[in-house]
Amino acid sequence: MGPGSEEFCVVCGATGRPLLDGVCSECAADRTVLVTAPERGVVVICPHCGARRAGARWERAGTGSLLTAEDLTPFLRVHPEVGLREVHWEEVAATGTVRELAASLRARFRGIERDVRVPISVRIEHQTCTECSRRSGRFYTAVVQLRGGLERGHEKAPALRGRLESTWSGILAEARPDWRRAVSWQEGLPEGWDVFFTNTLAARSIVRLAKQRFGASVKESASLFGRKNGQEIYRVTFCLRFPRPAGGSARAADRSRDVPEPAASRVEP
């Protein structure tokens, strides 16, 4: 190239632009596939709790059955040099469990921004997640026993259950959502309530919360349930005792015997 000559884009002939392999950024953006998506994607959703299956795991329980950007954006295949500035999803058509969608993207490539539209077809599969399957089969790994205190004076069963259920509602209101979802069902007894969990760690966390925030005393025991992969499996029982509030008496408890007795109910996540 002679003196005074200027490098130019081998595609469009433009000069004064940064070049890479002889091609300017504008032409490279026009010649490069910036974003693609597979012809068909699949999203597996639990019809009971809305959880999504990610490999061998289930995530995002409580999400619902509608597809969101969190479900769809992972299907996009983005060129290594591309950054996505905006992503908007639009449902074009729906037939049964198949959704025809399009992503409208604002992509940045080597300093150049381009609008890209990417179509994709997504099929929704419904499968019951592990937790919902366990709940429907009355499977549990831990039980939390809600009991009254050991102070003198008999508290009538309806009043005791009403007080304990009110306290339990307060505990659940402060518990993390994943702890609450581990509650499978509960049963009413003359001495209180038994609450069954599908996750021992969640049960232990709620028990710790009840002790710290609600003044419950705790006793823990474990019983051998079986063996898996050569290891012993235990079910854990936590006994939570909630003493009557200060100033309470057996006579006051007797006066509250007309409180309607809550029926044993299944607790939905």
Protein backbone atom coordinates (compact mmCIF):
# COMPACT_ATOMS: atom_id res chain seq x y z
CA MET A 1 0.00 0.00 0.00
CA GLY A 2 1.53 3.31 -1.11
CA PRO A 3 2.19 6.45 0.90
CA GLY A 4 -0.94 8.30 1.95
CA SER A 5 -3.17 5.32 1.28
CA GLU A 6 -5.77 4.44 3.92
CA GLU A 7 -7.00 1.06 5.04
CA PHE A 8 -10.56 0.27 4.04
CA CYS A 9 -13.17 -2.40 4.80
CA VAL A 10 -12.92 -5.20 2.26
CA VAL A 11 -16.72 -5.62 2.35
CA CYS A 12 -18.10 -2.09 2.08
CA GLY A 13 -14.96 -0.13 1.22
CA ALA A 14 -15.43 2.34 4.07
CA THR A 15 -12.34 4.04 5.46
CA GLY A 16 -11.61 5.59 8.83
CA ARG A 17 -13.23 2.75 10.76
CA PRO A 18 -11.58 0.23 13.10
CA LEU A 19 -10.99 -2.99 11.21
CA LEU A 20 -10.64 -6.58 12.35
CA ASP A 21 -9.34 -9.01 9.70
CA GLY A 22 -10.01 -6.29 7.14
CA VAL A 23 -13.72 -5.96 8.05
CA CYS A 24 -15.33 -3.02 9.88
CA SER A 25 -17.59 -3.56 12.89
CA GLU A 26 -20.78 -2.67 10.96
CA CYS A 27 -20.13 -5.24 8.27
CA ALA A 28 -19.00 -7.83 10.80
CA ALA A 29 -22.25 -7.32 12.73
CA ASP A 30 -24.24 -7.75 9.52
CA ARG A 31 -22.36 -10.94 8.59
CA THR A 32 -22.40 -12.56 12.08
CA VAL A 33 -25.22 -14.55 13.62
CA LEU A 34 -25.51 -12.70 16.91
CA VAL A 35 -28.18 -14.71 18.75
CA THR A 36 -29.93 -17.98 17.98
CA ALA A 37 -32.24 -20.41 19.74
CA PRO A 38 -33.04 -24.12 19.30
CA GLU A 39 -35.99 -24.95 17.09
CA ARG A 40 -37.82 -26.49 20.06
CA GLY A 41 -37.31 -26.00 23.78
CA VAL A 42 -38.90 -27.90 26.67
CA VAL A 43 -39.86 -26.54 30.10
CA VAL A 44 -40.84 -29.10 32.74
CA ILE A 45 -43.29 -27.70 35.31
CA CYS A 46 -44.83 -29.30 38.41
CA PRO A 47 -48.60 -28.82 38.01
CA HIS A 48 -49.08 -28.64 41.79
CA CYS A 49 -46.51 -26.09 42.98
CA GLY A 50 -45.13 -24.61 39.76
CA ALA A 51 -41.54 -25.74 40.38
CA ARG A 52 -39.26 -26.08 37.34
CA ARG A 53 -37.01 -29.07 36.73
CA ALA A 54 -33.38 -28.15 36.12
CA GLY A 55 -31.51 -31.35 35.39
CA ALA A 56 -32.00 -33.63 38.38
CA ARG A 57 -33.15 -30.76 40.63
CA TRP A 58 -36.41 -28.86 41.06
CA GLU A 59 -36.31 -25.08 41.46
CA ARG A 60 -38.55 -22.02 41.89
CA ALA A 61 -41.57 -23.63 43.54
CA GLY A 62 -44.54 -21.27 43.61
CA THR A 63 -43.66 -19.70 40.25
CA GLY A 64 -46.92 -20.66 38.55
CA SER A 65 -47.66 -22.25 35.19
CA LEU A 66 -47.03 -19.23 32.93
CA LEU A 67 -43.73 -19.09 31.07
CA THR A 68 -41.54 -16.16 32.06
CA ALA A 69 -38.26 -14.66 30.84
CA GLU A 70 -36.53 -16.73 33.51
CA ASP A 71 -37.79 -19.87 31.72
CA LEU A 72 -37.08 -18.65 28.19
CA THR A 73 -33.90 -16.58 28.19
CA PRO A 74 -31.64 -19.60 28.99
CA PHE A 75 -32.60 -21.02 25.57
CA LEU A 76 -30.86 -18.13 23.79
CA ARG A 77 -27.44 -18.93 22.31
CA VAL A 78 -25.42 -15.73 22.31
CA HIS A 79 -22.26 -15.11 20.25
CA PRO A 80 -19.22 -14.78 22.57
CA GLU A 81 -18.67 -11.14 21.54
CA VAL A 82 -22.29 -10.11 21.98
CA GLY A 83 -23.80 -8.43 24.99
CA LEU A 84 -27.59 -8.31 25.38
CA ARG A 85 -28.90 -4.88 26.32
CA GLU A 86 -32.64 -5.67 26.26
CA VAL A 87 -34.73 -8.83 25.93
CA HIS A 88 -38.50 -8.80 25.42
CA TRP A 89 -40.57 -11.95 24.92
CA GLU A 90 -43.80 -12.13 22.94
CA GLU A 91 -46.18 -15.07 22.62
CA VAL A 92 -47.11 -15.43 18.96
CA ALA A 93 -49.36 -18.50 19.14
CA ALA A 94 -50.38 -21.29 21.51
CA THR A 95 -51.67 -24.79 20.79
CA GLY A 96 -52.20 -27.18 23.70
CA THR A 97 -48.92 -27.36 25.59
CA VAL A 98 -46.85 -25.72 22.82
CA ARG A 99 -46.07 -22.00 22.83
CA GLU A 100 -44.75 -20.16 19.77
CA LEU A 101 -42.68 -17.22 21.01
CA ALA A 102 -40.30 -14.58 19.75
CA ALA A 103 -37.55 -12.70 21.56
CA SER A 104 -36.94 -9.09 20.54
CA LEU A 105 -33.35 -8.29 21.47
CA ARG A 106 -31.05 -5.29 21.55
CA ALA A 107 -27.58 -6.77 21.01
CA ARG A 108 -24.22 -5.01 21.16
CA PHE A 109 -21.35 -6.35 19.02
CA ARG A 110 -17.95 -4.62 18.73
CA GLY A 111 -19.47 -1.28 19.67
CA ILE A 112 -22.37 -1.66 17.24
CA GLU A 113 -25.96 -2.22 18.38
CA ARG A 114 -28.41 -4.28 16.42
CA ASP A 115 -32.07 -5.22 16.87
CA VAL A 116 -32.51 -8.99 16.60
CA ARG A 117 -35.67 -11.09 16.57
CA VAL A 118 -35.35 -14.76 17.50
CA PRO A 119 -38.29 -17.19 17.20
CA ILE A 120 -38.58 -20.33 19.33
CA SER A 121 -41.17 -23.02 19.96
CA VAL A 122 -41.45 -24.19 23.59
CA ARG A 123 -43.29 -27.29 24.76
CA ILE A 124 -44.51 -27.43 28.37
CA GLU A 125 -44.29 -30.80 30.11
CA HIS A 126 -46.07 -31.42 33.40
CA GLN A 127 -44.40 -33.69 35.96
CA THR A 128 -45.00 -33.90 39.69
CA CYS A 129 -41.93 -32.68 41.58
CA THR A 130 -40.26 -34.66 44.35
CA GLU A 131 -41.72 -32.59 47.18
CA CYS A 132 -45.31 -32.75 45.89
CA SER A 133 -44.96 -36.47 45.28
CA ARG A 134 -43.80 -36.93 48.86
CA ARG A 135 -46.66 -34.86 50.23
CA SER A 136 -49.26 -36.78 48.27
CA GLY A 137 -47.82 -40.05 49.60
CA ARG A 138 -47.68 -38.76 53.20
CA PHE A 139 -43.91 -39.11 53.17
CA TYR A 140 -42.05 -37.23 55.90
CA THR A 141 -38.57 -37.01 57.38
CA ALA A 142 -39.38 -34.96 60.49
CA VAL A 143 -42.33 -34.16 62.74
CA VAL A 144 -42.74 -31.08 64.91
CA GLN A 145 -44.97 -31.64 67.92
CA LEU A 146 -46.75 -28.52 69.16
CA ARG A 147 -47.56 -28.89 72.85
CA GLY A 148 -48.55 -26.77 75.81
CA GLY A 149 -46.28 -25.95 78.73
CA LEU A 150 -45.74 -28.11 81.81
CA GLU A 151 -47.14 -25.57 84.28
CA ARG A 152 -49.80 -26.66 86.73
CA GLY A 153 -53.44 -26.29 85.83
CA HIS A 154 -55.22 -28.17 83.06
CA GLU A 155 -55.84 -26.37 79.76
CA LYS A 156 -58.84 -27.68 77.89
CA ALA A 157 -58.02 -29.36 74.57
CA PRO A 158 -60.01 -26.99 72.28
CA ALA A 159 -58.46 -23.91 73.88
CA LEU A 160 -54.99 -25.45 73.82
CA ARG A 161 -55.22 -26.35 70.14
CA GLY A 162 -56.58 -22.92 69.28
CA ARG A 163 -53.70 -21.21 71.12
CA LEU A 164 -51.09 -23.47 69.56
CA GLU A 165 -52.48 -23.05 66.06
CA SER A 166 -52.44 -19.27 66.46
CA THR A 167 -48.82 -19.42 67.64
CA TRP A 168 -47.89 -21.74 64.77
CA SER A 169 -49.43 -19.33 62.26
CA GLY A 170 -47.22 -16.58 63.68
CA ILE A 171 -44.14 -18.79 63.31
CA LEU A 172 -44.96 -19.64 59.68
CA ALA A 173 -45.51 -15.95 58.91
CA GLU A 174 -41.88 -15.27 59.85
CA ALA A 175 -40.43 -18.42 58.27
CA ARG A 176 -38.70 -18.48 54.91
CA PRO A 177 -40.87 -19.62 51.96
CA ASP A 178 -38.77 -22.76 51.36
CA TRP A 179 -39.23 -23.75 55.02
CA ARG A 180 -43.01 -23.36 54.71
CA ARG A 181 -43.08 -25.42 51.51
CA ALA A 182 -41.52 -28.32 53.40
CA VAL A 183 -44.66 -28.63 55.55
CA SER A 184 -46.60 -31.63 54.28
CA TRP A 185 -49.63 -31.92 56.56
CA GLN A 186 -50.69 -31.51 60.18
CA GLU A 187 -52.88 -33.49 62.54
CA GLY A 188 -54.83 -32.34 65.59
CA LEU A 189 -54.47 -34.32 68.84
CA PRO A 190 -55.94 -33.82 72.34
CA GLU A 191 -52.51 -32.63 73.49
CA GLY A 192 -51.84 -30.28 70.55
CA TRP A 193 -50.72 -30.64 66.94
CA ASP A 194 -48.28 -32.78 64.97
CA VAL A 195 -46.82 -31.07 61.88
CA PHE A 196 -45.07 -33.29 59.32
CA PHE A 197 -42.16 -32.11 57.16
CA THR A 198 -40.59 -33.49 53.99
CA ASN A 199 -37.28 -31.79 54.81
CA THR A 200 -35.54 -32.18 58.18
CA LEU A 201 -33.35 -29.10 57.72
CA ALA A 202 -36.42 -26.92 57.16
CA ALA A 203 -38.09 -28.41 60.26
CA ARG A 204 -34.99 -27.74 62.34
CA SER A 205 -34.83 -24.16 61.10
CA ILE A 206 -38.46 -23.49 62.02
CA VAL A 207 -37.90 -25.08 65.44
CA ARG A 208 -34.94 -22.77 66.00
CA LEU A 209 -37.13 -19.79 65.03
CA ALA A 210 -39.86 -20.90 67.44
CA LYS A 211 -37.35 -21.14 70.26
CA GLN A 212 -35.71 -17.77 69.60
CA ARG A 213 -38.75 -15.67 68.73
CA PHE A 214 -41.64 -17.39 70.51
CA GLY A 215 -40.05 -18.69 73.68
CA ALA A 216 -40.67 -22.40 73.05
CA SER A 217 -38.68 -25.10 74.80
CA VAL A 218 -37.34 -27.86 72.54
CA LYS A 219 -36.63 -31.54 72.88
CA GLU A 220 -35.31 -33.61 69.98
CA SER A 221 -35.22 -37.33 69.33
CA ALA A 222 -34.50 -39.52 66.31
CA SER A 223 -35.71 -42.95 65.27
CA LEU A 224 -34.24 -45.25 62.64
CA PHE A 225 -36.40 -45.23 59.50
CA GLY A 226 -34.36 -47.32 57.07
CA ARG A 227 -31.13 -47.55 55.09
CA LYS A 228 -30.14 -45.97 51.78
CA ASN A 229 -26.87 -46.48 49.94
CA GLY A 230 -25.49 -48.27 52.98
CA GLN A 231 -26.33 -45.38 55.36
CA GLU A 232 -28.91 -45.35 58.11
CA ILE A 233 -31.83 -42.95 57.60
CA TYR A 234 -33.49 -41.35 60.62
CA ARG A 235 -36.74 -39.52 61.19
CA VAL A 236 -36.44 -36.69 63.68
CA THR A 237 -39.10 -35.61 66.17
CA PHE A 238 -39.01 -32.12 67.68
CA CYS A 239 -41.24 -31.41 70.67
CA LEU A 240 -42.02 -27.70 71.04
CA ARG A 241 -43.66 -26.63 74.29
CA PHE A 242 -45.33 -23.22 74.51
CA PRO A 243 -46.24 -22.18 78.07
CA ARG A 244 -49.43 -20.21 78.62
CA PRO A 245 -48.93 -16.44 78.51
CA ALA A 246 -48.15 -14.74 81.83
CA GLY A 247 -51.33 -14.28 83.86
CA GLY A 248 -53.03 -17.26 82.24
CA SER A 249 -54.80 -19.75 84.51
CA ALA A 250 -56.62 -23.00 84.32
CA ARG A 251 -59.88 -21.14 85.03
CA ALA A 252 -59.18 -18.75 82.14
CA ALA A 253 -58.45 -21.73 79.95
CA ASP A 254 -61.75 -23.31 81.01
CA ARG A 255 -63.64 -20.14 80.07
CA SER A 256 -62.18 -20.33 76.59
CA ARG A 257 -63.43 -23.86 75.99
CA ASP A 258 -66.05 -22.53 73.56
CA VAL A 259 -63.36 -21.56 71.08
CA PRO A 260 -64.12 -23.59 67.92
CA GLU A 261 -61.75 -26.50 67.57
CA PRO A 262 -59.72 -26.28 64.34
CA ALA A 263 -60.03 -29.41 62.26
CA ALA A 264 -56.96 -31.32 61.20
CA SER A 265 -56.00 -29.92 57.85
CA ARG A 266 -53.50 -30.37 55.13
CA VAL A 267 -51.13 -27.42 54.92
CA GLU A 268 -50.48 -26.41 51.34
CA PRO A 269 -47.09 -24.93 50.48
